[in-house]
């Protein structure tokens, strides 16, 4: 019998989790690579590489040179907020 295959967690997953938690706590605003690097105790260069991997995997999408968004996500305003 074959053992069940599990997906191994990567540092890119950690970066994605940090991005999502930050956005959840900051009304949908995504963190800079500097902020992610500080939170995960990684170099900014390493975070930039991992974010490039996330983009190639289709998990984030670059909107401009400095701005990105999490693919297939939306931010909803809190109850009672009117535009």
Protein backbone atom coordinates (compact mmCIF):
# COMPACT_ATOMS: atom_id res chain seq x y z
CA UNK A 1 0.00 0.00 0.00
CA UNK A 2 1.30 3.45 -0.89
CA UNK A 3 1.58 6.05 1.83
CA UNK A 4 -0.57 9.13 1.40
CA UNK A 5 1.42 11.91 -0.23
CA UNK A 6 1.47 15.22 1.60
CA UNK A 7 2.52 18.58 0.25
CA UNK A 8 5.58 19.94 1.97
CA UNK A 9 5.30 23.46 3.34
CA UNK A 10 7.73 25.96 1.84
CA UNK A 11 9.09 29.40 2.76
CA UNK A 12 6.90 30.77 -0.03
CA UNK A 13 3.91 29.47 1.96
CA UNK A 14 5.20 31.39 4.99
CA UNK A 15 5.44 34.56 2.90
CA UNK A 16 1.91 34.03 1.58
CA UNK A 17 0.59 33.55 5.12
CA UNK A 18 2.35 36.74 6.27
CA UNK A 19 0.86 38.68 3.35
CA UNK A 20 -2.65 37.39 4.04
CA UNK A 21 -2.48 38.04 7.79
CA UNK A 22 -1.21 41.58 7.22
CA UNK A 23 -3.96 42.28 4.67
CA UNK A 24 -6.58 40.87 7.03
CA UNK A 25 -5.40 43.17 9.82
CA UNK A 26 -4.99 46.24 7.55
CA UNK A 27 -8.22 46.49 5.54
CA UNK A 28 -6.88 44.63 2.49
CA UNK A 29 -3.62 46.55 2.17
CA UNK A 30 -0.73 44.24 1.33
CA UNK A 31 2.65 44.62 3.05
CA UNK A 32 5.89 45.65 1.38
CA UNK A 33 8.65 43.10 0.97
CA UNK A 34 10.56 44.98 3.71
CA UNK A 35 7.67 44.46 6.14
CA UNK A 36 7.39 40.76 5.25
CA UNK A 37 11.15 40.34 5.61
CA UNK A 38 11.07 41.92 9.07
CA UNK A 39 8.15 39.80 10.19
CA UNK A 40 9.72 36.52 9.02
CA UNK A 41 13.33 37.46 9.86
CA UNK A 42 14.44 36.98 6.24
CA UNK A 43 16.42 39.23 3.93
CA UNK A 44 14.47 41.50 1.60
CA UNK A 45 16.24 39.83 -1.33
CA UNK A 46 14.97 36.40 -0.21
CA UNK A 47 11.41 37.72 0.22
CA UNK A 48 11.54 39.31 -3.25
CA UNK A 49 12.59 35.93 -4.70
CA UNK A 50 9.80 34.13 -2.83
CA UNK A 51 7.26 36.71 -4.00
CA UNK A 52 8.45 36.15 -7.57
CA UNK A 53 7.77 32.43 -7.04
CA UNK A 54 4.30 33.21 -5.68
CA UNK A 55 3.61 35.29 -8.80
CA UNK A 56 4.79 32.48 -11.09
CA UNK A 57 2.50 30.09 -9.20
CA UNK A 58 -0.40 32.53 -9.73
CA UNK A 59 -0.89 33.17 -6.01
CA UNK A 60 -0.14 36.89 -6.21
CA UNK A 61 -0.43 39.28 -9.14
CA UNK A 62 1.77 42.31 -9.76
CA UNK A 63 -0.26 45.43 -10.47
CA UNK A 64 2.78 47.70 -10.91
CA UNK A 65 6.49 47.56 -10.10
CA UNK A 66 5.86 48.03 -6.36
CA UNK A 67 2.19 47.00 -5.94
CA UNK A 68 0.67 43.54 -5.95
CA UNK A 69 -2.53 41.83 -4.92
CA UNK A 70 -3.46 38.38 -3.74
CA UNK A 71 -5.07 36.52 -6.63
CA UNK A 72 -8.77 35.73 -6.28
CA UNK A 73 -9.20 37.75 -3.09
CA UNK A 74 -11.42 40.67 -2.19
CA UNK A 75 -11.62 42.97 0.75
CA UNK A 76 -15.02 43.71 2.19
CA UNK A 77 -15.63 46.90 4.18
CA UNK A 78 -16.77 46.42 7.76
CA UNK A 79 -20.50 46.42 8.57
CA UNK A 80 -21.91 49.92 8.83
CA UNK A 81 -19.34 51.50 6.50
CA UNK A 82 -20.91 53.49 3.69
CA UNK A 83 -19.23 55.09 0.73
